[in-house]
């Protein structure tokens, strides 16, 4: 079985997280399409990984995060927002969905290997695994996202932005995709465009501290002093104790001094 993960080291501005996936075990027959497979065999069992959500699992297998409610109903989950790592979910598929689901399940093996390699700073090897996952399942968004993070880590902002633009077009309400695109734009010194992405991420996840930090930095680097001060104040409402909070206070104090406050 295969876990999908979400963590990558600190980049130039703020930390990015790799997307995590749990483990997949196919119950039905192998990867060749068979329109005659009965419904009770069109099943994949998924072991929930740390940090996963039903929406992310639905996106990985069905290509649609809104299918999380179907997963919750099928597995008698009363609170879809709370799933336990290590628990096993049964995912069922229609005849039309089955081939794509099996492709995505097969792609999780190289994908998860890539995540482990990223965690060990073996970025070049991770890149090969994410590309292999996308060859197997071109619509596996988690693999596309993590490949974009590889490009960012290797200084290929233009390549990262191509992938992240695709992802935010496909999933305009995904705060992780919006945040990553904002980070890529920030690193490309496109600060006003980064502001739009970070604001979008915060719209869909109001307590998203990394996006709040990125927003303040983008306003500051873009020369928008008043907006930057407000953004730093908002960040400190979310985080008052970390080393990032100390940085936020220094930046806020500097801007206030420059403004004569």
Protein backbone atom coordinates (compact mmCIF):
# COMPACT_ATOMS: atom_id res chain seq x y z
CA UNK A 1 0.00 0.00 0.00
CA UNK A 2 1.14 3.50 -0.84
CA UNK A 3 1.22 6.75 1.34
CA UNK A 4 0.84 10.29 -0.37
CA UNK A 5 2.84 12.95 1.48
CA UNK A 6 3.14 16.75 1.89
CA UNK A 7 6.52 18.08 3.08
CA UNK A 8 9.50 19.85 1.51
CA UNK A 9 12.28 22.02 3.00
CA UNK A 10 12.12 25.81 3.43
CA UNK A 11 12.45 27.70 0.15
CA UNK A 12 13.58 31.26 -0.43
CA UNK A 13 10.50 32.83 1.12
CA UNK A 14 8.24 30.34 2.87
CA UNK A 15 7.92 26.60 3.31
CA UNK A 16 6.03 24.59 0.72
CA UNK A 17 4.41 21.25 1.50
CA UNK A 18 4.39 18.19 -0.69
CA UNK A 19 1.03 16.52 -1.20
CA UNK A 20 0.70 13.25 0.64
CA UNK A 21 -1.19 10.13 -0.44
CA UNK A 22 -2.04 6.98 1.47
CA UNK A 23 -1.73 3.40 0.28
CA UNK A 24 -3.72 1.77 -2.50
CA UNK A 25 -4.61 -1.89 -2.85
CA UNK A 26 -6.59 -2.95 -5.91
CA UNK A 27 -9.26 -5.55 -5.25
CA UNK A 28 -10.37 -5.99 -8.83
CA UNK A 29 -8.26 -7.48 -11.69
CA UNK A 30 -5.07 -5.95 -13.14
CA UNK A 31 -4.55 -2.82 -15.22
CA UNK A 32 -6.10 -3.94 -18.52
CA UNK A 33 -9.53 -2.45 -19.17
CA UNK A 34 -12.31 -5.01 -18.80
CA UNK A 35 -15.83 -3.74 -19.30
CA UNK A 36 -17.16 -7.01 -17.88
CA UNK A 37 -15.73 -6.54 -14.37
CA UNK A 38 -18.64 -6.84 -11.90
CA UNK A 39 -19.35 -3.99 -9.51
CA UNK A 40 -18.16 -5.90 -6.45
CA UNK A 41 -14.72 -6.21 -8.05
CA UNK A 42 -14.38 -2.58 -9.12
CA UNK A 43 -12.98 -1.75 -5.69
CA UNK A 44 -9.75 -0.17 -4.45
CA UNK A 45 -8.85 -0.18 -0.77
CA UNK A 46 -6.96 2.90 0.39
CA UNK A 47 -5.04 3.16 3.65
CA UNK A 48 -5.23 6.74 4.91
CA UNK A 49 -1.87 8.48 5.26
CA UNK A 50 -0.95 11.27 7.75
CA UNK A 51 -2.36 14.64 6.74
CA UNK A 52 -4.72 13.27 4.11
CA UNK A 53 -8.27 14.50 3.62
CA UNK A 54 -11.22 12.78 1.95
CA UNK A 55 -11.23 15.51 -0.68
CA UNK A 56 -7.60 14.83 -1.57
CA UNK A 57 -8.23 11.07 -1.71
CA UNK A 58 -11.24 11.69 -3.96
CA UNK A 59 -9.14 13.87 -6.24
CA UNK A 60 -6.39 11.23 -6.45
CA UNK A 61 -8.73 8.38 -7.42
CA UNK A 62 -11.76 9.99 -9.06
CA UNK A 63 -10.13 13.17 -10.35
CA UNK A 64 -12.83 15.11 -8.47
CA UNK A 65 -12.42 16.27 -4.84
CA UNK A 66 -16.20 16.72 -4.52
CA UNK A 67 -16.56 12.93 -4.52
CA UNK A 68 -15.43 12.95 -0.88
CA UNK A 69 -19.08 12.70 0.17
CA UNK A 70 -19.46 9.45 -1.79
CA UNK A 71 -16.42 8.04 0.03
CA UNK A 72 -17.84 9.15 3.38
CA UNK A 73 -21.22 7.52 2.68
CA UNK A 74 -19.71 4.27 1.45
CA UNK A 75 -17.49 3.99 4.52
CA UNK A 76 -20.05 5.19 7.11
CA UNK A 77 -17.99 8.26 8.03
CA UNK A 78 -20.20 10.68 9.94
CA UNK A 79 -17.66 13.54 9.96
CA UNK A 80 -15.85 13.78 6.59
CA UNK A 81 -13.44 16.31 8.09
CA UNK A 82 -12.01 13.75 10.50
CA UNK A 83 -10.37 10.58 9.20
CA UNK A 84 -7.85 8.49 11.08
CA UNK A 85 -4.41 7.75 9.56
CA UNK A 86 -4.04 4.00 9.09
CA UNK A 87 -7.74 3.38 8.56
CA UNK A 88 -8.77 1.57 5.37
CA UNK A 89 -11.35 3.03 2.98
CA UNK A 90 -13.21 1.11 0.28
CA UNK A 91 -13.55 3.06 -2.96
CA UNK A 92 -15.94 1.78 -5.61
CA UNK A 93 -16.00 2.81 -9.26
CA UNK A 94 -18.32 2.70 -12.24
CA UNK A 95 -17.29 0.86 -15.39
CA UNK A 96 -16.33 4.19 -16.97
CA UNK A 97 -14.22 5.24 -13.97
CA UNK A 98 -12.45 1.94 -13.35
CA UNK A 99 -9.57 2.16 -15.83
CA UNK A 100 -8.64 5.69 -14.79
CA UNK A 101 -8.80 4.76 -11.11
CA UNK A 102 -6.44 1.83 -11.61
CA UNK A 103 -4.02 4.03 -13.53
CA UNK A 104 -3.98 6.55 -10.68
CA UNK A 105 -3.53 3.79 -8.11
CA UNK A 106 -0.55 2.43 -10.09
CA UNK A 107 0.94 5.93 -10.32
CA UNK A 108 0.97 6.28 -6.53
CA UNK A 109 3.92 3.86 -6.26
CA UNK A 110 6.46 6.08 -8.09
CA UNK A 111 4.74 9.17 -6.70
CA UNK A 112 5.25 8.12 -3.08
CA UNK A 113 8.80 7.06 -3.83
CA UNK A 114 9.37 10.58 -5.15
CA UNK A 115 7.98 12.11 -1.96
CA UNK A 116 10.34 10.00 0.15
CA UNK A 117 13.27 11.03 -2.04
CA UNK A 118 12.31 14.70 -1.66
CA UNK A 119 12.26 14.29 2.10
CA UNK A 120 15.85 13.06 1.88
CA UNK A 121 16.95 15.92 -0.39
CA UNK A 122 17.43 13.58 -3.37
CA UNK A 123 15.68 16.03 -5.64
CA UNK A 124 16.93 14.77 -9.01
CA UNK A 125 15.77 11.23 -8.28
CA UNK A 126 12.45 12.55 -6.98
CA UNK A 127 11.91 14.43 -10.23
CA UNK A 128 12.26 11.18 -12.21
CA UNK A 129 9.68 9.46 -10.02
CA UNK A 130 7.13 12.30 -10.32
CA UNK A 131 7.56 12.26 -14.10
CA UNK A 132 7.08 8.48 -14.12
CA UNK A 133 3.89 8.89 -12.08
CA UNK A 134 2.59 11.42 -14.62
CA UNK A 135 3.42 9.09 -17.50
CA UNK A 136 1.26 6.48 -15.81
CA UNK A 137 -1.56 8.87 -14.84
CA UNK A 138 -1.25 12.29 -16.53
CA UNK A 139 -4.17 13.65 -14.48
CA UNK A 140 -2.63 12.85 -11.07
CA UNK A 141 -2.56 16.41 -9.76
CA UNK A 142 -0.53 15.55 -6.67
CA UNK A 143 2.33 14.41 -8.91
CA UNK A 144 2.09 17.54 -11.06
CA UNK A 145 2.12 19.71 -7.93
CA UNK A 146 5.18 18.01 -6.48
CA UNK A 147 6.99 18.17 -9.81
CA UNK A 148 6.36 21.92 -9.71
CA UNK A 149 7.94 22.01 -6.24
CA UNK A 150 10.99 20.20 -7.64
CA UNK A 151 11.30 22.87 -10.33
CA UNK A 152 11.04 25.59 -7.67
CA UNK A 153 13.68 23.95 -5.53
CA UNK A 154 16.00 23.72 -8.55
CA UNK A 155 15.43 27.36 -9.51
CA UNK A 156 13.26 26.62 -12.56
CA UNK A 157 10.53 29.09 -11.73
CA UNK A 158 9.22 29.31 -15.30
CA UNK A 159 8.65 25.54 -15.48
CA UNK A 160 7.04 25.55 -12.05
CA UNK A 161 4.71 28.36 -13.05
CA UNK A 162 3.51 26.49 -16.14
CA UNK A 163 2.44 23.53 -13.99
CA UNK A 164 0.99 25.67 -11.21
CA UNK A 165 -1.02 27.77 -13.65
CA UNK A 166 -2.55 24.54 -14.98
CA UNK A 167 -3.36 23.38 -11.46
CA UNK A 168 -4.92 26.65 -10.31
CA UNK A 169 -6.99 26.74 -13.51
CA UNK A 170 -8.24 23.21 -12.88
CA UNK A 171 -8.70 23.77 -9.13
CA UNK A 172 -9.11 27.53 -8.57
CA UNK A 173 -10.27 27.00 -4.97
CA UNK A 174 -7.36 24.84 -3.82
CA UNK A 175 -5.36 26.91 -1.30
CA UNK A 176 -2.23 24.74 -1.60
CA UNK A 177 -2.04 25.25 -5.36
CA UNK A 178 -2.70 28.98 -5.01
CA UNK A 179 -0.05 29.29 -2.32
CA UNK A 180 2.56 27.43 -4.37
CA UNK A 181 1.85 29.62 -7.40
CA UNK A 182 2.17 32.71 -5.22
CA UNK A 183 5.52 31.48 -3.96
CA UNK A 184 6.75 30.87 -7.50
CA UNK A 185 5.66 34.36 -8.55
CA UNK A 186 7.36 35.85 -5.49
CA UNK A 187 10.60 34.11 -6.36
CA UNK A 188 10.24 35.52 -9.89
CA UNK A 189 9.93 39.04 -8.33
CA UNK A 190 6.36 39.29 -9.68
CA UNK A 191 5.13 40.60 -6.36
CA UNK A 192 1.76 42.09 -7.36
CA UNK A 193 0.78 38.83 -9.05
CA UNK A 194 1.93 36.90 -5.98
CA UNK A 195 -0.40 39.06 -3.86
CA UNK A 196 -3.39 37.84 -5.89
CA UNK A 197 -2.48 34.19 -5.34
CA UNK A 198 -1.81 34.54 -1.61
CA UNK A 199 -5.08 36.45 -1.14
CA UNK A 200 -6.84 33.62 -2.98
CA UNK A 201 -5.26 31.01 -0.73
CA UNK A 202 -6.39 32.95 2.35
CA UNK A 203 -9.89 33.30 0.96
CA UNK A 204 -10.29 29.54 0.92
CA UNK A 205 -8.25 28.84 4.10
CA UNK A 206 -8.43 31.83 6.39
CA UNK A 207 -5.90 30.57 8.94
CA UNK A 208 -3.25 29.68 6.33
CA UNK A 209 -0.18 31.11 8.07
CA UNK A 210 2.30 30.53 5.24
CA UNK A 211 0.00 32.35 2.81
CA UNK A 212 -0.44 35.22 5.28
CA UNK A 213 3.34 35.50 5.62
CA UNK A 214 3.80 35.39 1.85
CA UNK A 215 1.16 38.05 1.35
CA UNK A 216 2.91 40.43 3.76
CA UNK A 217 6.29 39.81 2.14
CA UNK A 218 4.85 40.38 -1.32
CA UNK A 219 3.26 43.68 -0.33
CA UNK A 220 6.51 44.77 1.32
CA UNK A 221 8.77 43.78 -1.57
CA UNK A 222 6.32 45.33 -4.02
CA UNK A 223 6.56 48.70 -2.24
CA UNK A 224 3.01 48.73 -0.82
CA UNK A 225 3.93 49.93 2.66
CA UNK A 226 0.49 50.45 4.20
CA UNK A 227 -0.84 47.15 2.87
CA UNK A 228 2.30 45.40 4.08
CA UNK A 229 1.90 46.77 7.61
CA UNK A 230 -1.72 45.61 7.73
CA UNK A 231 -0.72 42.20 6.39
CA UNK A 232 2.03 41.79 9.01
CA UNK A 233 -0.45 42.74 11.74
CA UNK A 234 -2.85 40.11 10.39
CA UNK A 235 -0.09 37.53 10.32
CA UNK A 236 0.75 38.19 13.96
CA UNK A 237 -2.88 37.49 14.87
CA UNK A 238 -2.32 33.97 13.50
CA UNK A 239 1.16 33.44 14.91
CA UNK A 240 2.68 35.28 17.83
CA UNK A 241 5.35 32.87 19.07
CA UNK A 242 7.33 31.28 16.22
CA UNK A 243 10.57 32.44 14.63
CA UNK A 244 8.43 33.62 11.70
CA UNK A 245 6.51 35.81 14.14
CA UNK A 246 9.80 37.39 15.21
CA UNK A 247 10.56 38.14 11.55
CA UNK A 248 7.08 39.58 11.11
CA UNK A 249 7.59 41.93 14.08
CA UNK A 250 10.95 43.13 12.75
CA UNK A 251 9.46 43.83 9.33
CA UNK A 252 6.45 45.59 10.83
CA UNK A 253 8.67 47.73 13.08
CA UNK A 254 10.89 48.65 10.13
CA UNK A 255 7.90 49.74 8.04
CA UNK A 256 6.44 51.72 10.93
CA UNK A 257 9.76 53.50 11.46
CA UNK A 258 9.94 54.35 7.78
CA UNK A 259 6.39 55.75 8.00
CA UNK A 260 7.18 57.76 11.11
CA UNK A 261 4.74 55.83 13.27
